[in-house]
C-alpha atoms as a PDB file:
ATOM      1  CA  MET A   1     171.997 123.522 -99.451  1.00  0.00           C
ATOM      2  CA  THR A   2     175.382 124.894-100.450  1.00  0.00           C
ATOM      3  CA  ASP A   3     175.417 127.917-102.800  1.00  0.00           C
ATOM      4  CA  PRO A   4     175.421 126.573-106.371  1.00  0.00           C
ATOM      5  CA  ASN A   5     176.898 129.810-107.710  1.00  0.00           C
ATOM      6  CA  GLU A   6     180.281 129.223-106.120  1.00  0.00           C
ATOM      7  CA  ALA A   7     182.714 128.718-108.983  1.00  0.00           C
ATOM      8  CA  ILE A   8     183.870 125.161-109.668  1.00  0.00           C
ATOM      9  CA  SER A   9     186.975 124.938-111.813  1.00  0.00           C
ATOM     10  CA  PRO A  10     187.051 122.610-114.833  1.00  0.00           C
ATOM     11  CA  GLU A  11     189.634 120.473-113.031  1.00  0.00           C
ATOM     12  CA  VAL A  12     187.416 120.034-109.972  1.00  0.00           C
ATOM     13  CA  GLN A  13     184.387 119.353-112.211  1.00  0.00           C
ATOM     14  CA  ARG A  14     186.305 116.547-113.905  1.00  0.00           C
ATOM     15  CA  ALA A  15     187.163 115.152-110.477  1.00  0.00           C
ATOM     16  CA  ILE A  16     183.488 115.343-109.429  1.00  0.00           C
ATOM     17  CA  ASP A  17     182.420 113.500-112.581  1.00  0.00           C
ATOM     18  CA  ALA A  18     185.013 110.784-111.995  1.00  0.00           C
ATOM     19  CA  ILE A  19     183.975 110.280-108.360  1.00  0.00           C
ATOM     20  CA  ARG A  20     180.289 110.169-109.354  1.00  0.00           C
ATOM     21  CA  ALA A  21     181.008 107.348-111.796  1.00  0.00           C
ATOM     22  CA  ASP A  22     183.259 105.534-109.345  1.00  0.00           C
ATOM     23  CA  VAL A  23     180.843 105.715-106.405  1.00  0.00           C
ATOM     24  CA  ALA A  24     177.860 104.675-108.543  1.00  0.00           C
ATOM     25  CA  ALA A  25     179.714 101.622-109.865  1.00  0.00           C
ATOM     26  CA  LEU A  26     181.092 100.583-106.474  1.00  0.00           C
ATOM     27  CA  HIS A  27     177.607 100.122-105.032  1.00  0.00           C
ATOM     28  CA  ALA A  28     177.281  97.081-107.302  1.00  0.00           C
ATOM     29  CA  GLU A  29     180.192  95.517-105.420  1.00  0.00           C
ATOM     30  CA  LEU A  30     178.213  95.690-102.166  1.00  0.00           C
ATOM     31  CA  VAL A  31     175.451  93.709-103.845  1.00  0.00           C
ATOM     32  CA  ARG A  32     177.875  91.279-105.521  1.00  0.00           C
ATOM     33  CA  TYR A  33     179.510  90.365-102.218  1.00  0.00           C
ATOM     34  CA  GLY A  34     176.211  90.098-100.322  1.00  0.00           C
ATOM     35  CA  LEU A  35     176.950  93.016 -97.986  1.00  0.00           C
ATOM     36  CA  VAL A  36     173.571  94.782 -98.319  1.00  0.00           C
ATOM     37  CA  ILE A  37     169.882  94.050 -98.800  1.00  0.00           C
ATOM     38  CA  TRP A  38     167.131  96.179-100.343  1.00  0.00           C
ATOM     39  CA  THR A  39     168.324  99.838-100.280  1.00  0.00           C
ATOM     40  CA  GLY A  40     170.445  99.700 -97.101  1.00  0.00           C
ATOM     41  CA  GLY A  41     174.110 100.649 -97.030  1.00  0.00           C
ATOM     42  CA  ASN A  42     176.086 103.312 -98.855  1.00  0.00           C
ATOM     43  CA  VAL A  43     179.391 104.283-100.441  1.00  0.00           C
ATOM     44  CA  SER A  44     180.817 107.792-100.566  1.00  0.00           C
ATOM     45  CA  GLY A  45     183.940 109.258-102.096  1.00  0.00           C
ATOM     46  CA  ARG A  46     185.843 112.472-101.403  1.00  0.00           C
ATOM     47  CA  VAL A  47     186.403 114.779-104.382  1.00  0.00           C
ATOM     48  CA  PRO A  48     190.161 115.433-104.735  1.00  0.00           C
ATOM     49  CA  GLY A  49     191.065 119.113-104.625  1.00  0.00           C
ATOM     50  CA  ALA A  50     187.753 120.271-103.136  1.00  0.00           C
ATOM     51  CA  ASP A  51     185.865 120.209 -99.835  1.00  0.00           C
ATOM     52  CA  LEU A  52     183.206 117.989-101.389  1.00  0.00           C
ATOM     53  CA  PHE A  53     182.123 114.365-101.453  1.00  0.00           C
ATOM     54  CA  VAL A  54     179.665 112.240-103.391  1.00  0.00           C
ATOM     55  CA  ILE A  55     177.170 109.840-101.779  1.00  0.00           C
ATOM     56  CA  LYS A  56     174.165 107.777-102.870  1.00  0.00           C
ATOM     57  CA  PRO A  57     170.581 109.022-102.563  1.00  0.00           C
ATOM     58  CA  SER A  58     168.403 107.686 -99.762  1.00  0.00           C
ATOM     59  CA  GLY A  59     166.053 104.775-100.388  1.00  0.00           C
ATOM     60  CA  VAL A  60     166.876 104.266-104.079  1.00  0.00           C
ATOM     61  CA  SER A  61     167.199 100.750-105.492  1.00  0.00           C
ATOM     62  CA  TYR A  62     170.732  99.638-106.264  1.00  0.00           C
ATOM     63  CA  ASP A  63     169.570  98.785-109.797  1.00  0.00           C
ATOM     64  CA  ASP A  64     168.637 102.438-110.329  1.00  0.00           C
ATOM     65  CA  LEU A  65     171.884 104.003-109.145  1.00  0.00           C
ATOM     66  CA  ALA A  66     173.799 105.921-111.802  1.00  0.00           C
ATOM     67  CA  PRO A  67     176.454 108.675-111.843  1.00  0.00           C
ATOM     68  CA  GLU A  68     173.843 111.370-112.499  1.00  0.00           C
ATOM     69  CA  ASN A  69     171.804 110.559-109.385  1.00  0.00           C
ATOM     70  CA  MET A  70     174.734 110.450-106.994  1.00  0.00           C
ATOM     71  CA  ILE A  71     174.522 113.448-104.666  1.00  0.00           C
ATOM     72  CA  LEU A  72     177.245 116.069-104.265  1.00  0.00           C
ATOM     73  CA  CYS A  73     177.680 117.416-100.716  1.00  0.00           C
ATOM     74  CA  ASP A  74     180.022 119.767 -98.915  1.00  0.00           C
ATOM     75  CA  LEU A  75     181.960 118.607 -95.864  1.00  0.00           C
ATOM     76  CA  ASP A  76     179.175 119.792 -93.575  1.00  0.00           C
ATOM     77  CA  GLY A  77     176.851 117.322 -95.297  1.00  0.00           C
ATOM     78  CA  ASN A  78     174.898 119.999 -97.197  1.00  0.00           C
ATOM     79  CA  VAL A  79     173.707 119.124-100.696  1.00  0.00           C
ATOM     80  CA  VAL A  80     175.192 121.346-103.418  1.00  0.00           C
ATOM     81  CA  ALA A  81     172.075 122.944-104.918  1.00  0.00           C
ATOM     82  CA  GLY A  82     171.660 122.739-108.665  1.00  0.00           C
ATOM     83  CA  SER A  83     174.087 119.857-109.053  1.00  0.00           C
ATOM     84  CA  PRO A  84     172.858 116.628-110.688  1.00  0.00           C
ATOM     85  CA  GLY A  85     170.843 114.589-108.193  1.00  0.00           C
ATOM     86  CA  SER A  86     170.313 117.534-105.830  1.00  0.00           C
ATOM     87  CA  GLU A  87     166.536 117.187-106.018  1.00  0.00           C
ATOM     88  CA  ARG A  88     166.812 113.918-104.071  1.00  0.00           C
ATOM     89  CA  SER A  89     167.517 113.413-100.372  1.00  0.00           C
ATOM     90  CA  PRO A  90     171.004 112.067 -99.660  1.00  0.00           C
ATOM     91  CA  SER A  91     171.687 108.927 -97.658  1.00  0.00           C
ATOM     92  CA  SER A  92     170.543 108.994 -94.030  1.00  0.00           C
ATOM     93  CA  ASP A  93     174.221 108.439 -93.107  1.00  0.00           C
ATOM     94  CA  THR A  94     175.408 111.604 -94.875  1.00  0.00           C
ATOM     95  CA  ALA A  95     176.125 113.495 -91.627  1.00  0.00           C
ATOM     96  CA  ALA A  96     178.275 110.591 -90.410  1.00  0.00           C
ATOM     97  CA  HIS A  97     180.281 110.487 -93.647  1.00  0.00           C
ATOM     98  CA  ALA A  98     180.725 114.265 -93.585  1.00  0.00           C
ATOM     99  CA  TYR A  99     182.035 114.158 -90.014  1.00  0.00           C
ATOM    100  CA  VAL A 100     184.602 111.527 -90.973  1.00  0.00           C
ATOM    101  CA  TYR A 101     185.822 113.570 -93.944  1.00  0.00           C
ATOM    102  CA  ARG A 102     186.086 116.741 -91.849  1.00  0.00           C
ATOM    103  CA  ASN A 103     188.080 115.059 -89.114  1.00  0.00           C
ATOM    104  CA  MET A 104     190.136 112.462 -91.008  1.00  0.00           C
ATOM    105  CA  PRO A 105     191.702 114.349 -93.939  1.00  0.00           C
ATOM    106  CA  THR A 106     193.525 111.299 -95.341  1.00  0.00           C
ATOM    107  CA  VAL A 107     190.252 109.383 -95.771  1.00  0.00           C
ATOM    108  CA  GLY A 108     189.030 109.340 -99.360  1.00  0.00           C
ATOM    109  CA  GLY A 109     186.140 106.917 -99.053  1.00  0.00           C
ATOM    110  CA  VAL A 110     183.587 105.737 -96.479  1.00  0.00           C
ATOM    111  CA  VAL A 111     181.328 102.675 -96.687  1.00  0.00           C
ATOM    112  CA  HIS A 112     178.485 101.395 -94.541  1.00  0.00           C
ATOM    113  CA  THR A 113     176.947  97.946 -94.975  1.00  0.00           C
ATOM    114  CA  HIS A 114     174.564  95.646 -93.143  1.00  0.00           C
ATOM    115  CA  SER A 115     176.612  92.521 -93.843  1.00  0.00           C
ATOM    116  CA  PRO A 116     175.158  89.783 -91.613  1.00  0.00           C
ATOM    117  CA  TYR A 117     178.174  88.314 -89.851  1.00  0.00           C
ATOM    118  CA  ALA A 118     179.699  91.711 -89.045  1.00  0.00           C
ATOM    119  CA  VAL A 119     176.301  92.931 -87.807  1.00  0.00           C
ATOM    120  CA  ALA A 120     176.070  89.852 -85.570  1.00  0.00           C
ATOM    121  CA  TRP A 121     179.361  90.792 -83.872  1.00  0.00           C
ATOM    122  CA  ALA A 122     178.099  94.379 -83.541  1.00  0.00           C
ATOM    123  CA  ALA A 123     174.884  93.128 -81.939  1.00  0.00           C
ATOM    124  CA  ARG A 124     176.981  91.455 -79.240  1.00  0.00           C
ATOM    125  CA  GLY A 125     179.179  94.515 -78.840  1.00  0.00           C
ATOM    126  CA  GLU A 126     182.202  92.283 -79.412  1.00  0.00           C
ATOM    127  CA  GLU A 127     185.301  93.113 -81.427  1.00  0.00           C
ATOM    128  CA  ILE A 128     186.546  90.554 -83.943  1.00  0.00           C
ATOM    129  CA  PRO A 129     189.832  89.160 -82.602  1.00  0.00           C
ATOM    130  CA  CYS A 130     192.837  88.986 -84.911  1.00  0.00           C
ATOM    131  CA  VAL A 131     193.204  85.221 -85.175  1.00  0.00           C
ATOM    132  CA  ILE A 132     193.733  84.766 -88.926  1.00  0.00           C
ATOM    133  CA  THR A 133     196.608  86.072 -91.036  1.00  0.00           C
ATOM    134  CA  GLY A 134     194.268  87.799 -93.488  1.00  0.00           C
ATOM    135  CA  MET A 135     193.057  90.051 -90.686  1.00  0.00           C
ATOM    136  CA  ALA A 136     196.617  90.830 -89.666  1.00  0.00           C
ATOM    137  CA  ASP A 137     197.405  91.733 -93.282  1.00  0.00           C
ATOM    138  CA  GLU A 138     194.383  93.915 -93.911  1.00  0.00           C
ATOM    139  CA  PHE A 139     193.543  95.410 -90.503  1.00  0.00           C
ATOM    140  CA  GLY A 140     196.739  95.052 -88.479  1.00  0.00           C
ATOM    141  CA  GLY A 141     194.863  93.701 -85.461  1.00  0.00           C
ATOM    142  CA  PRO A 142     191.294  93.246 -84.220  1.00  0.00           C
ATOM    143  CA  ILE A 143     188.296  94.997 -85.755  1.00  0.00           C
ATOM    144  CA  PRO A 144     187.059  97.210 -82.909  1.00  0.00           C
ATOM    145  CA  ILE A 145     183.592  98.016 -81.592  1.00  0.00           C
ATOM    146  CA  GLY A 146     182.368 101.600 -81.726  1.00  0.00           C
ATOM    147  CA  PRO A 147     179.736 103.140 -79.456  1.00  0.00           C
ATOM    148  CA  PHE A 148     175.988 102.886 -79.918  1.00  0.00           C
ATOM    149  CA  ALA A 149     174.780 105.940 -81.832  1.00  0.00           C
ATOM    150  CA  ILE A 150     171.498 107.061 -83.367  1.00  0.00           C
ATOM    151  CA  ILE A 151     171.174 107.570 -87.131  1.00  0.00           C
ATOM    152  CA  GLY A 152     170.417 111.048 -88.462  1.00  0.00           C
ATOM    153  CA  ASP A 153     173.080 113.374 -87.065  1.00  0.00           C
ATOM    154  CA  ASP A 154     176.863 113.161 -86.780  1.00  0.00           C
ATOM    155  CA  SER A 155     176.841 110.860 -83.722  1.00  0.00           C
ATOM    156  CA  ILE A 156     177.850 107.850 -85.786  1.00  0.00           C
ATOM    157  CA  GLY A 157     180.618 109.840 -87.434  1.00  0.00           C
ATOM    158  CA  ARG A 158     181.928 110.875 -84.033  1.00  0.00           C
ATOM    159  CA  GLY A 159     181.985 107.254 -82.934  1.00  0.00           C
ATOM    160  CA  ILE A 160     183.840 106.201 -86.079  1.00  0.00           C
ATOM    161  CA  VAL A 161     186.485 108.888 -85.680  1.00  0.00           C
ATOM    162  CA  GLU A 162     186.935 108.307 -81.946  1.00  0.00           C
ATOM    163  CA  THR A 163     187.330 104.560 -82.462  1.00  0.00           C
ATOM    164  CA  LEU A 164     189.562 104.512 -85.549  1.00  0.00           C
ATOM    165  CA  SER A 165     191.831 107.492 -84.829  1.00  0.00           C
ATOM    166  CA  GLY A 166     195.258 106.019 -84.109  1.00  0.00           C
ATOM    167  CA  HIS A 167     193.981 102.508 -84.873  1.00  0.00           C
ATOM    168  CA  ARG A 168     195.276 100.384 -87.750  1.00  0.00           C
ATOM    169  CA  SER A 169     191.860  98.971 -88.551  1.00  0.00           C
ATOM    170  CA  ARG A 170     189.969 100.518 -91.448  1.00  0.00           C
ATOM    171  CA  ALA A 171     186.753  98.962 -90.149  1.00  0.00           C
ATOM    172  CA  VAL A 172     184.671  99.605 -87.040  1.00  0.00           C
ATOM    173  CA  LEU A 173     181.590  97.724 -85.860  1.00  0.00           C
ATOM    174  CA  MET A 174     179.190 100.297 -84.503  1.00  0.00           C
ATOM    175  CA  GLN A 175     177.393  98.630 -81.587  1.00  0.00           C
ATOM    176  CA  ASN A 176     173.903  97.301 -82.385  1.00  0.00           C
ATOM    177  CA  HIS A 177     174.236  98.704 -85.907  1.00  0.00           C
ATOM    178  CA  GLY A 178     176.962  97.362 -88.164  1.00  0.00           C
ATOM    179  CA  PRO A 179     180.232  97.998 -89.973  1.00  0.00           C
ATOM    180  CA  PHE A 180     181.608 101.242 -91.322  1.00  0.00           C
ATOM    181  CA  THR A 181     184.875 101.221 -93.236  1.00  0.00           C
ATOM    182  CA  ILE A 182     187.268 103.914 -94.407  1.00  0.00           C
ATOM    183  CA  GLY A 183     189.953 103.991 -97.077  1.00  0.00           C
ATOM    184  CA  VAL A 184     192.257 106.168 -99.110  1.00  0.00           C
ATOM    185  CA  SER A 185     189.620 105.943-101.845  1.00  0.00           C
ATOM    186  CA  ALA A 186     186.046 104.730-102.179  1.00  0.00           C
ATOM    187  CA  LYS A 187     187.338 101.499-103.763  1.00  0.00           C
ATOM    188  CA  ASP A 188     189.724 100.975-100.850  1.00  0.00           C
ATOM    189  CA  ALA A 189     186.866 101.424 -98.357  1.00  0.00           C
ATOM    190  CA  VAL A 190     184.737  98.919-100.304  1.00  0.00           C
ATOM    191  CA  LYS A 191     187.576  96.398-100.179  1.00  0.00           C
ATOM    192  CA  ALA A 192     187.792  96.908 -96.410  1.00  0.00           C
ATOM    193  CA  ALA A 193     184.036  96.234 -96.147  1.00  0.00           C
ATOM    194  CA  VAL A 194     184.389  92.997 -98.116  1.00  0.00           C
ATOM    195  CA  MET A 195     187.330  91.862 -96.007  1.00  0.00           C
ATOM    196  CA  CYS A 196     185.577  92.842 -92.765  1.00  0.00           C
ATOM    197  CA  GLU A 197     182.635  90.565 -93.547  1.00  0.00           C
ATOM    198  CA  ASP A 198     184.983  87.763 -94.611  1.00  0.00           C
ATOM    199  CA  ALA A 199     186.817  88.014 -91.282  1.00  0.00           C
ATOM    200  CA  ALA A 200     183.566  88.196 -89.301  1.00  0.00           C
ATOM    201  CA  ARG A 201     182.253  85.063 -91.015  1.00  0.00           C
ATOM    202  CA  THR A 202     185.492  83.053 -90.775  1.00  0.00           C
ATOM    203  CA  VAL A 203     186.119  83.800 -87.099  1.00  0.00           C
ATOM    204  CA  HIS A 204     182.479  83.023 -86.313  1.00  0.00           C
ATOM    205  CA  PHE A 205     182.849  79.602 -87.965  1.00  0.00           C
ATOM    206  CA  ALA A 206     186.125  78.961 -86.135  1.00  0.00           C
ATOM    207  CA  ARG A 207     184.587  79.663 -82.742  1.00  0.00           C
ATOM    208  CA  GLN A 208     181.883  77.076 -83.355  1.00  0.00           C
ATOM    209  CA  GLY A 209     184.577  74.407 -83.171  1.00  0.00           C
ATOM    210  CA  GLY A 210     186.328  75.645 -80.044  1.00  0.00           C
ATOM    211  CA  GLU A 211     188.682  78.328 -78.786  1.00  0.00           C
ATOM    212  CA  VAL A 212     190.470  80.382 -81.423  1.00  0.00           C
ATOM    213  CA  ILE A 213     194.266  80.752 -81.278  1.00  0.00           C
ATOM    214  CA  PRO A 214     195.553  84.334 -80.892  1.00  0.00           C
ATOM    215  CA  ILE A 215     198.331  85.507 -83.203  1.00  0.00           C
ATOM    216  CA  PRO A 216     201.216  87.031 -81.205  1.00  0.00           C
ATOM    217  CA  GLN A 217     201.447  90.812 -81.577  1.00  0.00           C
ATOM    218  CA  ASP A 218     204.940  90.726 -83.113  1.00  0.00           C
ATOM    219  CA  LYS A 219     203.689  88.353 -85.813  1.00  0.00           C
ATOM    220  CA  ILE A 220     200.662  90.591 -86.476  1.00  0.00           C
ATOM    221  CA  ASP A 221     203.043  93.532 -86.850  1.00  0.00           C
ATOM    222  CA  ALA A 222     205.246  91.626 -89.291  1.00  0.00           C
ATOM    223  CA  LEU A 223     202.320  90.410 -91.376  1.00  0.00           C
ATOM    224  CA  TYR A 224     200.783  93.889 -91.533  1.00  0.00           C
ATOM    225  CA  ASN A 225     204.086  95.489 -92.518  1.00  0.00           C
ATOM    226  CA  ARG A 226     204.700  92.950 -95.280  1.00  0.00           C
ATOM    227  CA  TYR A 227     201.220  93.288 -96.749  1.00  0.00           C
ATOM    228  CA  GLN A 228     201.124  97.074 -96.610  1.00  0.00           C
ATOM    229  CA  ASN A 229     204.665  97.678 -97.859  1.00  0.00           C
ATOM    230  CA  VAL A 230     205.833  94.667 -99.895  1.00  0.00           C
ATOM    231  CA  TYR A 231     202.884  92.687-101.271  1.00  0.00           C
ATOM    232  CA  GLY A 232     201.556  93.423-104.773  1.00  0.00           C
ATOM    233  CA  GLN A 233     202.777  95.666-107.576  1.00  0.00           C
ATOM    234  CA  SER A 234     202.189  99.137-106.104  1.00  0.00           C
ATOM    235  CA  SER A 235     200.654 100.800-103.069  1.00  0.00           C
ATOM    236  CA  ASP A 236     197.303 101.022-104.874  1.00  0.00           C
ATOM    237  CA  ASP A 237     197.382  97.357-105.896  1.00  0.00           C
ATOM    238  CA  ARG A 238     198.036  96.255-102.322  1.00  0.00           C
ATOM    239  CA  ARG A 239     194.628  97.589-101.445  1.00  0.00           C
END
């Protein structure tokens, strides 16, 4: 565990409290959109102004999640001793989340789900082709496949970073496992998880009727640029 005696400023403590509340509430969105079952899946959020993030405890029912039992970790994945929730074990994916935060400094949120259509693509080791405009808008191209990796250390995190670095997509399908998404905030990463499953389901349905029609790259580029830079009321609202 990280030393609990290290001073935390009032400003950082307020940020921690806000992220705890945000991350706890966002787990309900995974349930609402049918992206998880039982206690699987997780949301984490980076604490602004500190080398810390908040993640759910391992094996706890979604109905029992609350700000006070979210777990505060440093960017090595160590639990901050003495902080609320520190008596519990953090998510089994904590090392993966920590690796992403260490190596992708613009990422403010990470999500993992077991959403069925995205997992089905991952089980085939097949990327989701960009054949609908919503995918072009949100992901700027296909949703890629990441390598097979075992849960428990930072192997999954390494696969996420290797696959998404330099890639427009905010989602990766880890082979034989399922989707992980990143975002500028935890809410943004949850949105990416929702949209990833929507794309996985829609393209699956389309392929049952025949060959899907690729969108030309220049049109993907134009759609992505419009959605990211023009659509909505502000940069936050676009996501």
